[in-house]
Structures are given as structure tokens and as C-alpha cells.
Amino acid sequence: MKTLYTILFALSIILINPWGSSRGLIWTSPKVLIIWLIVGVNLALLWEQRKALTIPRQWKISLILWTIFLSIGAISTLQSPFPLTSFFGQDQMGDGWLYWLLIAAFTLSNSLLLTIHPQLINSQFQGLLIGGTILSLSIFPQIIDWRIDYTATMGQIIRADVNVSSIFQGQQPIGLYSHRGHAAIVLALIIITALVGWFSRFITTKLTAITLILTVPALLLTSTRSAKLFSI
């Protein structure tokens, strides 16, 4: 079970579909799918332990707050002139009401799961850092050659500065995301996760050091000011 969570959390950061027909199908949807899988595994484990499960008061408060937030979003979606767009969101961005329902389900199920299986937090931290390390490594080749995008059409261009996958030269490096801003904010969060995990003793010093050595320069190479500021 620990290994499964390590793999799933790593894939939630790095999984892509090289054969996708759009930015969303290539870079966003695979990662969203992994989050759905994590929620499914969480719920299955919680169902197995349902008789011994004690619901913390803080979790109930979180449930109420998420319910209020999603209810307001549902009203907004129903009143929207484009309800389907509001519900599903843009495939590249991973937004929309359904996306926020997923985030709520993940947050609530995972926090509750950790109350009965607290040892899983180590595996989850490890998965995030492994994924962050792989993401960092994917940045460096793109600095050398902007045509590297890890898709099935990698190296092919439709214009002097545009890949077949629709990635512009000026948008690189994107890592394993559709935009370098997305990659940068994930890298910034990985840096914070590494430091929090190390101080909390969820991960080893060696894994933390490897992650930071690779992630910090990768973040700097994205030239994204907001992500750098966020990590600081």
C-alpha cells in the first residue's frame, strides 16, 4: 500500500499522454485522472475501516466549509451563460466546478485516511519529491533544445518557433506541463514540501538534498517570478 501511494503521488505530478490531441489531453487530463484514482483508493480503504473510523471535529468543519464553497460554485455554474464550460472547465487548466469537487474529495478523503493510516504520509511525501525530481530533470534538456516536449510529435515544428504540439519556443521550458508557469508553481510547491517534510522527519535528508539540488535550478530556469516569490 505504501508503494502504491508513492507511485500515485509521483504520477500526479509527472504523468502525460504523449499521443493526446490537445494540450489538455497531453498534459492536464492524465494528472487529473491520477487524482481521481487516489480518491478512489482513499475511499476504498476508508470503507474497509468504516467500523473503526472516528471522524475528527476538524474534519467535520472542513466538510462544512467545502460544502458551502461547492454549493456557491454550483449556483454560479447553474446561473452561468455557459454552464457546461463552468462545470467541466477548460481541459488545459483543470478548472471548473468538477475540478474543485475533485480537490475537495481528495483533501477530505486523504486527511481522513491519514487519521487511521498516519504512516502513509511518508509515502505520499516521497512520491511528491520523486515526482518533483523527475519534473526538474525534464526541464534541463528543454533549455538545450526548445523542441523537446516529450510528446509523440517531439522535434516536429509547424513554424520556425512552434512545435506540432502547439508549444511556442518562447514558452519553454515547460517540463511536463503545458505552460512553464504551471511547471514553475509545482516546482515551488515541491521545494516547500521538501523542507516541510524534512523538518517534520517524513523524508530523509538524502532525498531532501537531491530534490533541492535539482529543483531549485530548474525553478530558476523557468524564469517565472510569481513561483520564485511563492517559494521564498
C-alpha atoms as a PDB file:
ATOM      1  CA  MET A   1       0.000   0.000   0.000  1.00  0.00           C
ATOM      2  CA  LYS A   2       2.875   2.366   0.796  1.00  0.00           C
ATOM      3  CA  THR A   3       4.482   1.739  -2.582  1.00  0.00           C
ATOM      4  CA  LEU A   4       1.166   2.305  -4.346  1.00  0.00           C
ATOM      5  CA  TYR A   5       0.758   5.727  -2.756  1.00  0.00           C
ATOM      6  CA  THR A   6       4.340   6.684  -3.595  1.00  0.00           C
ATOM      7  CA  ILE A   7       3.751   5.796  -7.239  1.00  0.00           C
ATOM      8  CA  LEU A   8       0.366   7.520  -7.447  1.00  0.00           C
ATOM      9  CA  PHE A   9       1.573  10.743  -5.845  1.00  0.00           C
ATOM     10  CA  ALA A  10       4.599  10.813  -8.150  1.00  0.00           C
ATOM     11  CA  LEU A  11       2.422  10.234 -11.217  1.00  0.00           C
ATOM     12  CA  SER A  12       0.048  13.016 -10.153  1.00  0.00           C
ATOM     13  CA  ILE A  13       2.914  15.408 -10.878  1.00  0.00           C
ATOM     14  CA  ILE A  14       4.571  13.916 -13.954  1.00  0.00           C
ATOM     15  CA  LEU A  15       2.113  11.774 -15.956  1.00  0.00           C
ATOM     16  CA  ILE A  16       1.481  12.879 -19.530  1.00  0.00           C
ATOM     17  CA  ASN A  17      -0.195  11.342 -22.582  1.00  0.00           C
ATOM     18  CA  PRO A  18       2.264  11.877 -25.468  1.00  0.00           C
ATOM     19  CA  TRP A  19      -0.385  10.930 -28.042  1.00  0.00           C
ATOM     20  CA  GLY A  20      -3.017  13.441 -26.916  1.00  0.00           C
ATOM     21  CA  SER A  21      -4.629  15.709 -29.490  1.00  0.00           C
ATOM     22  CA  SER A  22      -4.687  18.858 -27.334  1.00  0.00           C
ATOM     23  CA  ARG A  23      -2.720  20.468 -24.528  1.00  0.00           C
ATOM     24  CA  GLY A  24      -5.297  19.346 -22.020  1.00  0.00           C
ATOM     25  CA  LEU A  25      -5.279  15.731 -23.183  1.00  0.00           C
ATOM     26  CA  ILE A  26      -1.483  15.645 -23.297  1.00  0.00           C
ATOM     27  CA  TRP A  27      -0.528  17.339 -20.051  1.00  0.00           C
ATOM     28  CA  THR A  28      -3.521  18.032 -17.800  1.00  0.00           C
ATOM     29  CA  SER A  29      -6.029  15.191 -18.055  1.00  0.00           C
ATOM     30  CA  PRO A  30      -3.564  12.380 -17.179  1.00  0.00           C
ATOM     31  CA  LYS A  31      -2.621  14.097 -13.916  1.00  0.00           C
ATOM     32  CA  VAL A  32      -6.265  14.783 -13.074  1.00  0.00           C
ATOM     33  CA  LEU A  33      -7.040  11.125 -13.722  1.00  0.00           C
ATOM     34  CA  ILE A  34      -4.408  10.102 -11.182  1.00  0.00           C
ATOM     35  CA  ILE A  35      -6.021  12.343  -8.561  1.00  0.00           C
ATOM     36  CA  TRP A  36      -9.332  10.585  -9.222  1.00  0.00           C
ATOM     37  CA  LEU A  37      -7.552   7.238  -8.748  1.00  0.00           C
ATOM     38  CA  ILE A  38      -6.076   8.418  -5.448  1.00  0.00           C
ATOM     39  CA  VAL A  39      -9.534   9.465  -4.274  1.00  0.00           C
ATOM     40  CA  GLY A  40     -10.882   6.051  -5.275  1.00  0.00           C
ATOM     41  CA  VAL A  41      -8.144   4.221  -3.350  1.00  0.00           C
ATOM     42  CA  ASN A  42      -8.686   6.506  -0.350  1.00  0.00           C
ATOM     43  CA  LEU A  43     -12.418   5.791  -0.304  1.00  0.00           C
ATOM     44  CA  ALA A  44     -11.853   2.038  -0.679  1.00  0.00           C
ATOM     45  CA  LEU A  45      -9.500   1.999   2.320  1.00  0.00           C
ATOM     46  CA  LEU A  46     -11.856   4.162   4.357  1.00  0.00           C
ATOM     47  CA  TRP A  47     -14.738   1.819   3.544  1.00  0.00           C
ATOM     48  CA  GLU A  48     -12.710  -1.145   4.819  1.00  0.00           C
ATOM     49  CA  GLN A  49     -12.078   0.674   8.111  1.00  0.00           C
ATOM     50  CA  ARG A  50     -15.535   2.250   8.407  1.00  0.00           C
ATOM     51  CA  LYS A  51     -16.457   0.468  11.653  1.00  0.00           C
ATOM     52  CA  ALA A  52     -13.325   1.633  13.443  1.00  0.00           C
ATOM     53  CA  LEU A  53     -13.367   5.105  11.897  1.00  0.00           C
ATOM     54  CA  THR A  54     -13.689   8.109  14.181  1.00  0.00           C
ATOM     55  CA  ILE A  55     -14.489  11.414  12.488  1.00  0.00           C
ATOM     56  CA  PRO A  56     -12.409  14.284  13.955  1.00  0.00           C
ATOM     57  CA  ARG A  57     -14.173  17.563  14.681  1.00  0.00           C
ATOM     58  CA  GLN A  58     -11.746  19.483  12.481  1.00  0.00           C
ATOM     59  CA  TRP A  59     -12.599  17.215   9.545  1.00  0.00           C
ATOM     60  CA  LYS A  60     -16.309  17.914  10.022  1.00  0.00           C
ATOM     61  CA  ILE A  61     -15.607  21.648   9.930  1.00  0.00           C
ATOM     62  CA  SER A  62     -13.616  21.186   6.713  1.00  0.00           C
ATOM     63  CA  LEU A  63     -16.512  19.226   5.223  1.00  0.00           C
ATOM     64  CA  ILE A  64     -18.934  22.033   6.036  1.00  0.00           C
ATOM     65  CA  LEU A  65     -16.645  24.679   4.539  1.00  0.00           C
ATOM     66  CA  TRP A  66     -16.077  22.661   1.371  1.00  0.00           C
ATOM     67  CA  THR A  67     -19.828  22.062   1.070  1.00  0.00           C
ATOM     68  CA  ILE A  68     -20.508  25.791   1.308  1.00  0.00           C
ATOM     69  CA  PHE A  69     -17.822  26.551  -1.261  1.00  0.00           C
ATOM     70  CA  LEU A  70     -19.075  23.917  -3.715  1.00  0.00           C
ATOM     71  CA  SER A  71     -22.693  24.966  -3.210  1.00  0.00           C
ATOM     72  CA  ILE A  72     -21.861  28.548  -4.131  1.00  0.00           C
ATOM     73  CA  GLY A  73     -19.937  27.251  -7.131  1.00  0.00           C
ATOM     74  CA  ALA A  74     -22.881  25.076  -8.175  1.00  0.00           C
ATOM     75  CA  ILE A  75     -25.216  28.064  -8.066  1.00  0.00           C
ATOM     76  CA  SER A  76     -22.749  30.052 -10.139  1.00  0.00           C
ATOM     77  CA  THR A  77     -22.499  27.214 -12.657  1.00  0.00           C
ATOM     78  CA  LEU A  78     -26.262  26.892 -12.969  1.00  0.00           C
ATOM     79  CA  GLN A  79     -26.595  30.642 -13.491  1.00  0.00           C
ATOM     80  CA  SER A  80     -23.713  30.804 -15.951  1.00  0.00           C
ATOM     81  CA  PRO A  81     -24.453  31.577 -19.611  1.00  0.00           C
ATOM     82  CA  PHE A  82     -22.068  28.711 -20.377  1.00  0.00           C
ATOM     83  CA  PRO A  83     -22.961  26.081 -17.740  1.00  0.00           C
ATOM     84  CA  LEU A  84     -21.093  23.199 -19.386  1.00  0.00           C
ATOM     85  CA  THR A  85     -17.897  25.233 -19.592  1.00  0.00           C
ATOM     86  CA  SER A  86     -18.368  26.291 -15.986  1.00  0.00           C
ATOM     87  CA  PHE A  87     -18.944  22.679 -14.941  1.00  0.00           C
ATOM     88  CA  PHE A  88     -16.113  20.974 -16.848  1.00  0.00           C
ATOM     89  CA  GLY A  89     -13.755  23.936 -17.156  1.00  0.00           C
ATOM     90  CA  GLN A  90     -11.013  24.246 -19.755  1.00  0.00           C
ATOM     91  CA  ASP A  91      -9.190  20.987 -20.349  1.00  0.00           C
ATOM     92  CA  GLN A  92      -5.782  22.671 -20.293  1.00  0.00           C
ATOM     93  CA  MET A  93      -6.319  24.478 -16.999  1.00  0.00           C
ATOM     94  CA  GLY A  94      -8.051  21.750 -14.993  1.00  0.00           C
ATOM     95  CA  ASP A  95     -10.573  24.216 -13.631  1.00  0.00           C
ATOM     96  CA  GLY A  96     -14.367  24.206 -13.472  1.00  0.00           C
ATOM     97  CA  TRP A  97     -16.768  23.036 -10.762  1.00  0.00           C
ATOM     98  CA  LEU A  98     -15.977  19.356 -11.366  1.00  0.00           C
ATOM     99  CA  TYR A  99     -12.290  20.034 -10.795  1.00  0.00           C
ATOM    100  CA  TRP A 100     -12.971  21.699  -7.453  1.00  0.00           C
ATOM    101  CA  LEU A 101     -15.201  18.783  -6.470  1.00  0.00           C
ATOM    102  CA  LEU A 102     -12.187  16.557  -7.133  1.00  0.00           C
ATOM    103  CA  ILE A 103      -9.937  18.745  -4.972  1.00  0.00           C
ATOM    104  CA  ALA A 104     -12.491  18.651  -2.165  1.00  0.00           C
ATOM    105  CA  ALA A 105     -12.836  14.869  -2.434  1.00  0.00           C
ATOM    106  CA  PHE A 106      -9.064  14.426  -2.423  1.00  0.00           C
ATOM    107  CA  THR A 107      -8.489  16.767   0.521  1.00  0.00           C
ATOM    108  CA  LEU A 108     -11.254  15.317   2.669  1.00  0.00           C
ATOM    109  CA  SER A 109     -10.604  11.668   1.888  1.00  0.00           C
ATOM    110  CA  ASN A 110      -6.838  11.936   2.269  1.00  0.00           C
ATOM    111  CA  SER A 111      -6.924  13.840   5.548  1.00  0.00           C
ATOM    112  CA  LEU A 112      -9.389  11.301   6.965  1.00  0.00           C
ATOM    113  CA  LEU A 113      -7.324   8.379   5.692  1.00  0.00           C
ATOM    114  CA  LEU A 114      -4.220   9.706   7.448  1.00  0.00           C
ATOM    115  CA  THR A 115      -6.035   9.608  10.774  1.00  0.00           C
ATOM    116  CA  ILE A 116      -6.216   5.803  10.549  1.00  0.00           C
ATOM    117  CA  HIS A 117      -3.081   5.207   8.457  1.00  0.00           C
ATOM    118  CA  PRO A 118      -0.691   8.002   9.528  1.00  0.00           C
ATOM    119  CA  GLN A 119       2.295   6.044   8.201  1.00  0.00           C
ATOM    120  CA  LEU A 120       1.121   6.750   4.647  1.00  0.00           C
ATOM    121  CA  ILE A 121       2.152  10.379   4.906  1.00  0.00           C
ATOM    122  CA  ASN A 122       5.793   9.332   4.496  1.00  0.00           C
ATOM    123  CA  SER A 123       4.970   7.508   1.258  1.00  0.00           C
ATOM    124  CA  GLN A 124       2.963  10.469  -0.016  1.00  0.00           C
ATOM    125  CA  PHE A 125       5.792  12.897   0.685  1.00  0.00           C
ATOM    126  CA  GLN A 126       8.256  10.564  -1.016  1.00  0.00           C
ATOM    127  CA  GLY A 127       6.019  10.306  -4.064  1.00  0.00           C
ATOM    128  CA  LEU A 128       5.738  14.075  -4.360  1.00  0.00           C
ATOM    129  CA  LEU A 129       9.501  14.549  -4.101  1.00  0.00           C
ATOM    130  CA  ILE A 130      10.241  11.781  -6.578  1.00  0.00           C
ATOM    131  CA  GLY A 131       7.775  13.342  -8.993  1.00  0.00           C
ATOM    132  CA  GLY A 132       9.295  16.769  -8.389  1.00  0.00           C
ATOM    133  CA  THR A 133      12.780  15.424  -9.077  1.00  0.00           C
ATOM    134  CA  ILE A 134      11.679  13.869 -12.376  1.00  0.00           C
ATOM    135  CA  LEU A 135       9.917  17.125 -13.305  1.00  0.00           C
ATOM    136  CA  SER A 136      13.131  19.031 -12.577  1.00  0.00           C
ATOM    137  CA  LEU A 137      15.159  16.667 -14.748  1.00  0.00           C
ATOM    138  CA  SER A 138      12.697  17.183 -17.608  1.00  0.00           C
ATOM    139  CA  ILE A 139      13.418  20.926 -17.563  1.00  0.00           C
ATOM    140  CA  PHE A 140      17.134  20.796 -18.363  1.00  0.00           C
ATOM    141  CA  PRO A 141      17.001  19.209 -21.871  1.00  0.00           C
ATOM    142  CA  GLN A 142      14.449  21.839 -22.922  1.00  0.00           C
ATOM    143  CA  ILE A 143      16.965  24.575 -22.158  1.00  0.00           C
ATOM    144  CA  ILE A 144      19.310  22.979 -24.690  1.00  0.00           C
ATOM    145  CA  ASP A 145      16.637  22.314 -27.333  1.00  0.00           C
ATOM    146  CA  TRP A 146      13.234  24.016 -27.076  1.00  0.00           C
ATOM    147  CA  ARG A 147      11.684  21.442 -29.441  1.00  0.00           C
ATOM    148  CA  ILE A 148      11.833  18.774 -26.700  1.00  0.00           C
ATOM    149  CA  ASP A 149       8.317  18.482 -25.285  1.00  0.00           C
ATOM    150  CA  TYR A 150       8.111  14.704 -24.612  1.00  0.00           C
ATOM    151  CA  THR A 151       5.132  14.220 -26.940  1.00  0.00           C
ATOM    152  CA  ALA A 152       4.719  11.805 -29.832  1.00  0.00           C
ATOM    153  CA  THR A 153       5.445  14.689 -32.222  1.00  0.00           C
ATOM    154  CA  MET A 154       8.575  15.844 -30.379  1.00  0.00           C
ATOM    155  CA  GLY A 155      11.042  17.619 -32.663  1.00  0.00           C
ATOM    156  CA  GLN A 156       8.455  18.381 -35.334  1.00  0.00           C
ATOM    157  CA  ILE A 157       7.576  22.019 -35.957  1.00  0.00           C
ATOM    158  CA  ILE A 158       4.775  23.743 -37.852  1.00  0.00           C
ATOM    159  CA  ARG A 159       6.547  27.083 -37.844  1.00  0.00           C
ATOM    160  CA  ALA A 160      10.046  28.267 -37.060  1.00  0.00           C
ATOM    161  CA  ASP A 161       9.111  28.836 -33.418  1.00  0.00           C
ATOM    162  CA  VAL A 162       6.149  26.487 -32.845  1.00  0.00           C
ATOM    163  CA  ASN A 163       6.084  22.735 -32.147  1.00  0.00           C
ATOM    164  CA  VAL A 164       3.400  20.492 -33.634  1.00  0.00           C
ATOM    165  CA  SER A 165       2.095  20.136 -30.065  1.00  0.00           C
ATOM    166  CA  SER A 166       1.427  23.934 -30.157  1.00  0.00           C
ATOM    167  CA  ILE A 167       4.237  24.816 -27.725  1.00  0.00           C
ATOM    168  CA  PHE A 168       5.990  28.057 -28.700  1.00  0.00           C
ATOM    169  CA  GLN A 169       9.745  28.467 -28.368  1.00  0.00           C
ATOM    170  CA  GLY A 170       9.196  31.383 -26.000  1.00  0.00           C
ATOM    171  CA  GLN A 171       7.073  29.198 -23.712  1.00  0.00           C
ATOM    172  CA  GLN A 172       9.884  26.761 -22.963  1.00  0.00           C
ATOM    173  CA  PRO A 173      10.912  25.239 -20.633  1.00  0.00           C
ATOM    174  CA  ILE A 174       7.586  23.669 -19.704  1.00  0.00           C
ATOM    175  CA  GLY A 175       8.836  20.455 -18.149  1.00  0.00           C
ATOM    176  CA  LEU A 176       5.925  18.002 -18.121  1.00  0.00           C
ATOM    177  CA  TYR A 177       3.212  20.672 -18.236  1.00  0.00           C
ATOM    178  CA  SER A 178       1.505  22.722 -20.918  1.00  0.00           C
ATOM    179  CA  HIS A 179       2.929  26.009 -19.650  1.00  0.00           C
ATOM    180  CA  ARG A 180       6.124  26.931 -17.859  1.00  0.00           C
ATOM    181  CA  GLY A 181       4.093  28.833 -15.246  1.00  0.00           C
ATOM    182  CA  HIS A 182       2.349  25.590 -14.290  1.00  0.00           C
ATOM    183  CA  ALA A 183       5.658  23.761 -14.060  1.00  0.00           C
ATOM    184  CA  ALA A 184       7.169  26.589 -12.018  1.00  0.00           C
ATOM    185  CA  ILE A 185       4.430  26.690  -9.381  1.00  0.00           C
ATOM    186  CA  VAL A 186       4.653  22.901  -8.972  1.00  0.00           C
ATOM    187  CA  LEU A 187       8.425  23.151  -8.545  1.00  0.00           C
ATOM    188  CA  ALA A 188       7.964  25.897  -5.953  1.00  0.00           C
ATOM    189  CA  LEU A 189       5.497  23.714  -4.059  1.00  0.00           C
ATOM    190  CA  ILE A 190       7.921  20.786  -4.234  1.00  0.00           C
ATOM    191  CA  ILE A 191      10.637  22.926  -2.626  1.00  0.00           C
ATOM    192  CA  ILE A 192       8.276  23.838   0.191  1.00  0.00           C
ATOM    193  CA  THR A 193       7.136  20.219   0.512  1.00  0.00           C
ATOM    194  CA  ALA A 194      10.743  19.038   0.742  1.00  0.00           C
ATOM    195  CA  LEU A 195      11.549  21.482   3.521  1.00  0.00           C
ATOM    196  CA  VAL A 196       8.353  20.757   5.455  1.00  0.00           C
ATOM    197  CA  GLY A 197       8.851  17.010   5.038  1.00  0.00           C
ATOM    198  CA  TRP A 198      12.439  17.212   6.231  1.00  0.00           C
ATOM    199  CA  PHE A 199      11.679  19.358   9.272  1.00  0.00           C
ATOM    200  CA  SER A 200       8.778  17.033  10.128  1.00  0.00           C
ATOM    201  CA  ARG A 201      11.005  13.969   9.587  1.00  0.00           C
ATOM    202  CA  PHE A 202       8.677  12.488   6.987  1.00  0.00           C
ATOM    203  CA  ILE A 203      11.532  12.139   4.482  1.00  0.00           C
ATOM    204  CA  THR A 204      15.253  11.522   4.661  1.00  0.00           C
ATOM    205  CA  THR A 205      17.970  14.146   4.436  1.00  0.00           C
ATOM    206  CA  LYS A 206      19.346  12.445   1.321  1.00  0.00           C
ATOM    207  CA  LEU A 207      16.053  12.635  -0.593  1.00  0.00           C
ATOM    208  CA  THR A 208      15.550  16.230   0.531  1.00  0.00           C
ATOM    209  CA  ALA A 209      19.035  17.230  -0.623  1.00  0.00           C
ATOM    210  CA  ILE A 210      18.659  15.552  -4.031  1.00  0.00           C
ATOM    211  CA  THR A 211      15.281  17.202  -4.534  1.00  0.00           C
ATOM    212  CA  LEU A 212      16.504  20.693  -3.656  1.00  0.00           C
ATOM    213  CA  ILE A 213      19.719  20.399  -5.683  1.00  0.00           C
ATOM    214  CA  LEU A 214      17.690  19.637  -8.808  1.00  0.00           C
ATOM    215  CA  THR A 215      14.502  21.582  -8.171  1.00  0.00           C
ATOM    216  CA  VAL A 216      15.948  24.984  -7.254  1.00  0.00           C
ATOM    217  CA  PRO A 217      17.904  25.476 -10.511  1.00  0.00           C
ATOM    218  CA  ALA A 218      15.002  24.024 -12.526  1.00  0.00           C
ATOM    219  CA  LEU A 219      12.697  26.613 -10.962  1.00  0.00           C
ATOM    220  CA  LEU A 220      15.146  29.404 -11.762  1.00  0.00           C
ATOM    221  CA  LEU A 221      15.332  28.252 -15.379  1.00  0.00           C
ATOM    222  CA  THR A 222      11.571  28.655 -15.817  1.00  0.00           C
ATOM    223  CA  SER A 223      12.009  32.424 -15.315  1.00  0.00           C
ATOM    224  CA  THR A 224       8.646  32.663 -13.560  1.00  0.00           C
ATOM    225  CA  ARG A 225       8.690  35.438 -10.959  1.00  0.00           C
ATOM    226  CA  SER A 226       5.486  34.547  -9.119  1.00  0.00           C
ATOM    227  CA  ALA A 227       6.623  30.961  -8.467  1.00  0.00           C
ATOM    228  CA  LYS A 228      10.031  32.132  -7.229  1.00  0.00           C
ATOM    229  CA  LEU A 229       8.383  34.609  -4.905  1.00  0.00           C
ATOM    230  CA  PHE A 230       5.965  31.927  -3.683  1.00  0.00           C
ATOM    231  CA  SER A 231       8.814  29.552  -2.837  1.00  0.00           C
ATOM    232  CA  ILE A 232      10.650  32.298  -0.960  1.00  0.00           C
END
